[in-house]
PDB file of N, CA and C in Angstrom:
ATOM      1  N   MET A   1     -44.449 -99.179 113.001  1.00  0.00           N
ATOM      2  CA  MET A   1     -44.853 -99.687 113.558  1.00  0.00           C
ATOM      3  C   MET A   1     -43.870-100.685 115.056  1.00  0.00           C
ATOM      4  N   LYS A   2     -43.304-100.147 115.130  1.00  0.00           N
ATOM      5  CA  LYS A   2     -42.555-100.089 116.192  1.00  0.00           C
ATOM      6  C   LYS A   2     -43.502 -99.257 117.425  1.00  0.00           C
ATOM      7  N   GLN A   3     -44.387 -98.314 116.897  1.00  0.00           N
ATOM      8  CA  GLN A   3     -44.756 -97.437 118.173  1.00  0.00           C
ATOM      9  C   GLN A   3     -46.281 -98.651 118.802  1.00  0.00           C
ATOM     10  N   LEU A   4     -46.582 -99.520 117.428  1.00  0.00           N
ATOM     11  CA  LEU A   4     -47.609-100.117 118.142  1.00  0.00           C
ATOM     12  C   LEU A   4     -48.309-100.659 119.268  1.00  0.00           C
ATOM     13  N   PRO A   5     -46.442-101.687 119.515  1.00  0.00           N
ATOM     14  CA  PRO A   5     -46.528-102.418 120.725  1.00  0.00           C
ATOM     15  C   PRO A   5     -46.531-101.768 122.084  1.00  0.00           C
ATOM     16  N   TRP A   6     -45.833-100.932 121.760  1.00  0.00           N
ATOM     17  CA  TRP A   6     -45.537 -99.632 123.005  1.00  0.00           C
ATOM     18  C   TRP A   6     -47.186 -98.761 123.426  1.00  0.00           C
ATOM     19  N   THR A   7     -48.083 -98.546 122.535  1.00  0.00           N
ATOM     20  CA  THR A   7     -49.087 -97.816 122.916  1.00  0.00           C
ATOM     21  C   THR A   7     -50.517 -99.071 123.179  1.00  0.00           C
ATOM     22  N   LEU A   8     -50.107-100.747 122.923  1.00  0.00           N
ATOM     23  CA  LEU A   8     -50.715-101.542 123.595  1.00  0.00           C
ATOM     24  C   LEU A   8     -50.108-101.716 124.969  1.00  0.00           C
ATOM     25  N   CYS A   9     -49.192-101.801 125.353  1.00  0.00           N
ATOM     26  CA  CYS A   9     -48.437-101.512 126.637  1.00  0.00           C
ATOM     27  C   CYS A   9     -49.199-100.324 127.869  1.00  0.00           C
ATOM     28  N   VAL A  10     -49.383 -99.293 127.300  1.00  0.00           N
ATOM     29  CA  VAL A  10     -49.636 -97.901 127.544  1.00  0.00           C
ATOM     30  C   VAL A  10     -51.318 -98.232 127.527  1.00  0.00           C
ATOM     31  N   LEU A  11     -51.880 -99.260 126.770  1.00  0.00           N
ATOM     32  CA  LEU A  11     -53.743 -99.296 126.920  1.00  0.00           C
ATOM     33  C   LEU A  11     -53.752 -99.919 127.909  1.00  0.00           C
ATOM     34  N   ALA A  12     -52.511-100.936 127.910  1.00  0.00           N
ATOM     35  CA  ALA A  12     -53.061-101.811 128.931  1.00  0.00           C
ATOM     36  C   ALA A  12     -52.449-101.983 130.391  1.00  0.00           C
ATOM     37  N   LEU A  13     -51.277-101.101 130.789  1.00  0.00           N
ATOM     38  CA  LEU A  13     -51.239-100.798 131.868  1.00  0.00           C
ATOM     39  C   LEU A  13     -52.099 -99.606 132.390  1.00  0.00           C
ATOM     40  N   ALA A  14     -52.588 -98.619 132.001  1.00  0.00           N
ATOM     41  CA  ALA A  14     -54.272 -97.968 132.030  1.00  0.00           C
ATOM     42  C   ALA A  14     -55.233 -98.467 132.596  1.00  0.00           C
ATOM     43  N   LEU A  15     -55.844 -99.421 132.050  1.00  0.00           N
ATOM     44  CA  LEU A  15     -56.899-100.477 132.166  1.00  0.00           C
ATOM     45  C   LEU A  15     -56.415-101.152 133.238  1.00  0.00           C
ATOM     46  N   VAL A  16     -54.937-101.920 133.801  1.00  0.00           N
ATOM     47  CA  VAL A  16     -54.945-102.113 134.925  1.00  0.00           C
ATOM     48  C   VAL A  16     -54.817-101.539 135.897  1.00  0.00           C
ATOM     49  N   ALA A  17     -54.717 -99.974 136.140  1.00  0.00           N
ATOM     50  CA  ALA A  17     -54.900 -98.900 137.106  1.00  0.00           C
ATOM     51  C   ALA A  17     -56.181 -98.828 136.910  1.00  0.00           C
ATOM     52  N   TRP A  18     -57.167 -98.792 136.230  1.00  0.00           N
ATOM     53  CA  TRP A  18     -58.118 -98.288 136.624  1.00  0.00           C
ATOM     54  C   TRP A  18     -58.968 -99.692 136.810  1.00  0.00           C
ATOM     55  N   LEU A  19     -59.114-100.613 136.770  1.00  0.00           N
ATOM     56  CA  LEU A  19     -59.253-101.643 137.142  1.00  0.00           C
ATOM     57  C   LEU A  19     -59.157-101.849 138.819  1.00  0.00           C
ATOM     58  N   ALA A  20     -57.840-101.398 139.129  1.00  0.00           N
ATOM     59  CA  ALA A  20     -57.314-101.300 140.770  1.00  0.00           C
ATOM     60  C   ALA A  20     -57.852-100.237 141.203  1.00  0.00           C
ATOM     61  N   LEU A  21     -58.072 -98.730 140.773  1.00  0.00           N
ATOM     62  CA  LEU A  21     -58.878 -98.081 141.514  1.00  0.00           C
ATOM     63  C   LEU A  21     -60.540 -98.717 141.725  1.00  0.00           C
ATOM     64  N   ALA A  22     -61.088 -99.287 140.509  1.00  0.00           N
ATOM     65  CA  ALA A  22     -62.410 -99.671 140.614  1.00  0.00           C
ATOM     66  C   ALA A  22     -62.434-100.722 141.899  1.00  0.00           C
ATOM     67  N   VAL A  23     -60.932-101.801 142.108  1.00  0.00           N
ATOM     68  CA  VAL A  23     -61.104-102.895 143.456  1.00  0.00           C
ATOM     69  C   VAL A  23     -60.970-102.206 144.434  1.00  0.00           C
ATOM     70  N   VAL A  24     -61.045-101.178 144.581  1.00  0.00           N
ATOM     71  CA  VAL A  24     -60.058-100.025 145.714  1.00  0.00           C
ATOM     72  C   VAL A  24     -61.251 -99.367 146.228  1.00  0.00           C
ATOM     73  N   ASN A  25     -62.150 -99.212 145.596  1.00  0.00           N
ATOM     74  CA  ASN A  25     -63.256 -98.483 145.604  1.00  0.00           C
ATOM     75  C   ASN A  25     -64.387 -99.468 146.693  1.00  0.00           C
ATOM     76  N   VAL A  26     -64.390-100.496 145.711  1.00  0.00           N
ATOM     77  CA  VAL A  26     -65.494-101.456 145.779  1.00  0.00           C
ATOM     78  C   VAL A  26     -65.029-102.037 147.411  1.00  0.00           C
ATOM     79  N   GLU A  27     -63.884-102.479 148.067  1.00  0.00           N
ATOM     80  CA  GLU A  27     -63.233-103.009 149.088  1.00  0.00           C
ATOM     81  C   GLU A  27     -63.914-101.928 150.240  1.00  0.00           C
ATOM     82  N   ASN A  28     -63.062-101.036 149.664  1.00  0.00           N
ATOM     83  CA  ASN A  28     -63.308 -99.656 150.947  1.00  0.00           C
ATOM     84  C   ASN A  28     -64.445 -99.626 150.880  1.00  0.00           C
ATOM     85  N   GLN A  29     -66.068 -99.480 150.640  1.00  0.00           N
ATOM     86  CA  GLN A  29     -67.037 -99.662 150.694  1.00  0.00           C
ATOM     87  C   GLN A  29     -67.844-100.885 151.419  1.00  0.00           C
ATOM     88  N   ARG A  30     -67.050-102.491 150.569  1.00  0.00           N
ATOM     89  CA  ARG A  30     -67.299-103.453 151.661  1.00  0.00           C
ATOM     90  C   ARG A  30     -67.135-103.595 152.912  1.00  0.00           C
ATOM     91  N   ASN A  31     -65.827-103.103 152.974  1.00  0.00           N
ATOM     92  CA  ASN A  31     -65.761-103.216 154.422  1.00  0.00           C
ATOM     93  C   ASN A  31     -66.104-102.136 155.608  1.00  0.00           C
ATOM     94  N   ALA A  32     -66.278-100.725 154.868  1.00  0.00           N
ATOM     95  CA  ALA A  32     -67.170 -99.592 155.901  1.00  0.00           C
ATOM     96  C   ALA A  32     -68.642-100.493 156.013  1.00  0.00           C
ATOM     97  N   LEU A  33     -69.429-101.555 155.443  1.00  0.00           N
ATOM     98  CA  LEU A  33     -70.544-102.070 155.141  1.00  0.00           C
ATOM     99  C   LEU A  33     -70.135-103.141 156.549  1.00  0.00           C
ATOM    100  N   VAL A  34     -69.520-104.102 156.346  1.00  0.00           N
ATOM    101  CA  VAL A  34     -68.797-105.132 157.139  1.00  0.00           C
ATOM    102  C   VAL A  34     -68.831-104.540 158.684  1.00  0.00           C
ATOM    103  N   THR A  35     -67.944-103.683 158.637  1.00  0.00           N
ATOM    104  CA  THR A  35     -67.872-102.892 160.015  1.00  0.00           C
ATOM    105  C   THR A  35     -68.853-101.907 160.793  1.00  0.00           C
ATOM    106  N   LYS A  36     -69.960-101.468 160.089  1.00  0.00           N
ATOM    107  CA  LYS A  36     -70.865-100.632 160.011  1.00  0.00           C
ATOM    108  C   LYS A  36     -70.799 -99.554 160.483  1.00  0.00           C
ATOM    109  N   ALA A  37     -69.906 -99.102 159.645  1.00  0.00           N
ATOM    110  CA  ALA A  37     -69.276 -97.775 159.968  1.00  0.00           C
ATOM    111  C   ALA A  37     -70.128 -96.844 159.412  1.00  0.00           C
ATOM    112  N   CYS A  38     -71.134 -97.168 158.512  1.00  0.00           N
ATOM    113  CA  CYS A  38     -72.397 -95.948 157.631  1.00  0.00           C
ATOM    114  C   CYS A  38     -73.313 -96.412 158.029  1.00  0.00           C
ATOM    115  N   VAL A  39     -73.769 -96.853 159.334  1.00  0.00           N
ATOM    116  CA  VAL A  39     -75.799 -96.854 159.733  1.00  0.00           C
ATOM    117  C   VAL A  39     -75.954 -95.806 159.487  1.00  0.00           C
ATOM    118  N   ASP A  40     -77.151 -95.531 159.388  1.00  0.00           N
ATOM    119  CA  ASP A  40     -77.564 -94.511 159.059  1.00  0.00           C
ATOM    120  C   ASP A  40     -78.510 -94.206 160.126  1.00  0.00           C
ATOM    121  N   PRO A  41     -78.480 -93.080 160.914  1.00  0.00           N
ATOM    122  CA  PRO A  41     -79.088 -93.046 162.476  1.00  0.00           C
ATOM    123  C   PRO A  41     -80.424 -92.521 162.572  1.00  0.00           C
ATOM    124  N   ALA A  42     -80.886 -92.303 161.647  1.00  0.00           N
ATOM    125  CA  ALA A  42     -82.804 -92.347 161.647  1.00  0.00           C
ATOM    126  C   ALA A  42     -83.512 -93.728 161.645  1.00  0.00           C
ATOM    127  N   PHE A  43     -82.643 -94.696 160.404  1.00  0.00           N
ATOM    128  CA  PHE A  43     -83.261 -96.061 160.474  1.00  0.00           C
ATOM    129  C   PHE A  43     -82.470 -97.002 160.802  1.00  0.00           C
ATOM    130  N   LYS A  44     -82.625 -97.487 161.634  1.00  0.00           N
ATOM    131  CA  LYS A  44     -81.703 -99.183 162.168  1.00  0.00           C
ATOM    132  C   LYS A  44     -80.840 -99.555 161.332  1.00  0.00           C
ATOM    133  N   ASN A  45     -81.663-100.346 160.483  1.00  0.00           N
ATOM    134  CA  ASN A  45     -81.118-101.354 159.596  1.00  0.00           C
ATOM    135  C   ASN A  45     -80.974-101.168 158.079  1.00  0.00           C
ATOM    136  N   GLU A  46     -80.578 -99.684 158.157  1.00  0.00           N
ATOM    137  CA  GLU A  46     -80.604 -99.359 156.746  1.00  0.00           C
ATOM    138  C   GLU A  46     -78.736 -98.146 156.536  1.00  0.00           C
ATOM    139  N   VAL A  47     -78.256 -97.897 155.149  1.00  0.00           N
ATOM    140  CA  VAL A  47     -77.134 -97.660 155.283  1.00  0.00           C
ATOM    141  C   VAL A  47     -77.462 -95.979 154.545  1.00  0.00           C
ATOM    142  N   ASP A  48     -76.134 -95.077 155.377  1.00  0.00           N
ATOM    143  CA  ASP A  48     -76.118 -93.827 155.080  1.00  0.00           C
ATOM    144  C   ASP A  48     -75.674 -93.792 153.366  1.00  0.00           C
ATOM    145  N   ALA A  49     -75.932 -93.338 152.573  1.00  0.00           N
ATOM    146  CA  ALA A  49     -75.265 -93.545 151.200  1.00  0.00           C
ATOM    147  C   ALA A  49     -74.202 -92.182 150.961  1.00  0.00           C
ATOM    148  N   LYS A  50     -74.195 -91.041 151.834  1.00  0.00           N
ATOM    149  CA  LYS A  50     -73.278 -90.199 151.690  1.00  0.00           C
ATOM    150  C   LYS A  50     -72.179 -90.553 152.406  1.00  0.00           C
ATOM    151  N   CYS A  51     -72.326 -91.311 153.207  1.00  0.00           N
ATOM    152  CA  CYS A  51     -71.058 -91.658 154.458  1.00  0.00           C
ATOM    153  C   CYS A  51     -70.782 -92.412 153.779  1.00  0.00           C
ATOM    154  N   LEU A  52     -71.467 -93.648 152.693  1.00  0.00           N
ATOM    155  CA  LEU A  52     -70.862 -94.445 152.045  1.00  0.00           C
ATOM    156  C   LEU A  52     -69.998 -93.786 150.934  1.00  0.00           C
ATOM    157  N   ALA A  53     -70.151 -93.171 150.552  1.00  0.00           N
ATOM    158  CA  ALA A  53     -69.346 -92.456 149.519  1.00  0.00           C
ATOM    159  C   ALA A  53     -68.346 -91.455 149.602  1.00  0.00           C
ATOM    160  N   SER A  54     -68.032 -91.448 151.251  1.00  0.00           N
ATOM    161  CA  SER A  54     -67.215 -90.687 151.137  1.00  0.00           C
ATOM    162  C   SER A  54     -66.545 -91.756 152.287  1.00  0.00           C
ATOM    163  N   VAL A  55     -66.473 -92.275 153.224  1.00  0.00           N
ATOM    164  CA  VAL A  55     -65.629 -93.241 154.203  1.00  0.00           C
ATOM    165  C   VAL A  55     -64.421 -93.937 153.829  1.00  0.00           C
ATOM    166  N   GLN A  56     -63.344 -93.589 154.481  1.00  0.00           N
ATOM    167  CA  GLN A  56     -62.145 -94.514 154.095  1.00  0.00           C
ATOM    168  C   GLN A  56     -62.054 -95.052 155.662  1.00  0.00           C
ATOM    169  N   SER A  57     -62.253 -96.636 155.240  1.00  0.00           N
ATOM    170  CA  SER A  57     -62.138 -97.610 156.151  1.00  0.00           C
ATOM    171  C   SER A  57     -61.127 -98.281 156.672  1.00  0.00           C
ATOM    172  N   ARG A  58     -60.234 -98.285 155.597  1.00  0.00           N
ATOM    173  CA  ARG A  58     -58.669 -98.642 156.261  1.00  0.00           C
ATOM    174  C   ARG A  58     -57.652 -96.920 155.613  1.00  0.00           C
ATOM    175  N   GLU A  59     -56.640 -97.233 156.362  1.00  0.00           N
ATOM    176  CA  GLU A  59     -55.725 -96.108 155.974  1.00  0.00           C
ATOM    177  C   GLU A  59     -55.324 -95.390 155.170  1.00  0.00           C
ATOM    178  N   HIS A  60     -55.011 -96.796 154.319  1.00  0.00           N
ATOM    179  CA  HIS A  60     -54.299 -96.907 152.879  1.00  0.00           C
ATOM    180  C   HIS A  60     -55.250 -97.275 151.569  1.00  0.00           C
ATOM    181  N   TRP A  61     -54.814 -96.460 150.404  1.00  0.00           N
ATOM    182  CA  TRP A  61     -55.537 -97.613 149.209  1.00  0.00           C
ATOM    183  C   TRP A  61     -55.030 -98.901 149.328  1.00  0.00           C
ATOM    184  N   TRP A  62     -53.972 -98.887 149.388  1.00  0.00           N
ATOM    185  CA  TRP A  62     -52.737-100.270 148.902  1.00  0.00           C
ATOM    186  C   TRP A  62     -53.426-101.670 150.172  1.00  0.00           C
ATOM    187  N   GLN A  63     -54.238-100.878 151.346  1.00  0.00           N
ATOM    188  CA  GLN A  63     -54.213-102.234 152.578  1.00  0.00           C
ATOM    189  C   GLN A  63     -55.429-102.445 151.538  1.00  0.00           C
ATOM    190  N   HIS A  64     -56.695-101.759 150.991  1.00  0.00           N
ATOM    191  CA  HIS A  64     -57.971-102.391 149.978  1.00  0.00           C
ATOM    192  C   HIS A  64     -57.056-103.105 148.920  1.00  0.00           C
ATOM    193  N   LEU A  65     -56.227-102.786 148.386  1.00  0.00           N
ATOM    194  CA  LEU A  65     -55.834-103.464 146.996  1.00  0.00           C
ATOM    195  C   LEU A  65     -55.540-104.923 147.982  1.00  0.00           C
ATOM    196  N   SER A  66     -54.604-104.450 148.552  1.00  0.00           N
ATOM    197  CA  SER A  66     -53.958-106.303 148.960  1.00  0.00           C
ATOM    198  C   SER A  66     -54.932-107.200 149.842  1.00  0.00           C
ATOM    199  N   TYR A  67     -55.810-106.876 150.180  1.00  0.00           N
ATOM    200  CA  TYR A  67     -56.692-107.301 151.079  1.00  0.00           C
ATOM    201  C   TYR A  67     -57.902-108.153 149.856  1.00  0.00           C
ATOM    202  N   ALA A  68     -58.130-107.519 149.240  1.00  0.00           N
ATOM    203  CA  ALA A  68     -59.068-107.608 148.084  1.00  0.00           C
ATOM    204  C   ALA A  68     -58.176-108.850 147.194  1.00  0.00           C
ATOM    205  N   MET A  69     -57.273-108.640 146.784  1.00  0.00           N
ATOM    206  CA  MET A  69     -56.382-109.621 145.703  1.00  0.00           C
ATOM    207  C   MET A  69     -56.046-110.678 146.503  1.00  0.00           C
ATOM    208  N   THR A  70     -55.897-110.894 148.041  1.00  0.00           N
ATOM    209  CA  THR A  70     -55.695-112.402 149.041  1.00  0.00           C
ATOM    210  C   THR A  70     -56.526-112.451 149.787  1.00  0.00           C
ATOM    211  N   HIS A  71     -58.113-112.180 149.141  1.00  0.00           N
ATOM    212  CA  HIS A  71     -59.359-112.641 149.680  1.00  0.00           C
ATOM    213  C   HIS A  71     -59.796-113.151 148.713  1.00  0.00           C
ATOM    214  N   PHE A  72     -60.375-114.494 148.182  1.00  0.00           N
ATOM    215  CA  PHE A  72     -61.439-114.523 147.538  1.00  0.00           C
ATOM    216  C   PHE A  72     -62.699-115.810 148.010  1.00  0.00           C
ATOM    217  N   ARG A  73     -63.485-115.197 147.679  1.00  0.00           N
ATOM    218  CA  ARG A  73     -64.875-115.991 148.470  1.00  0.00           C
ATOM    219  C   ARG A  73     -64.461-117.527 147.441  1.00  0.00           C
ATOM    220  N   SER A  74     -65.314-118.601 148.262  1.00  0.00           N
ATOM    221  CA  SER A  74     -65.244-119.734 147.487  1.00  0.00           C
ATOM    222  C   SER A  74     -66.139-120.335 147.183  1.00  0.00           C
TER     223      SER A  74
END
């Protein structure tokens, strides 16, 4: 019975890490779209999907996470 709380704690931490990774990826793509880092050269108003999948719009992952956690839409 002593193992159950620790198992739940590890699962909760894994869930938080997974959600943080998802937030970092979404914020990276959102920032790339806002700064127009992935404009398709062939079509002016379209987005290059390959660029969007591999772009690094900020230097570190924690910058994406801190921005996403402190800026909410009202």
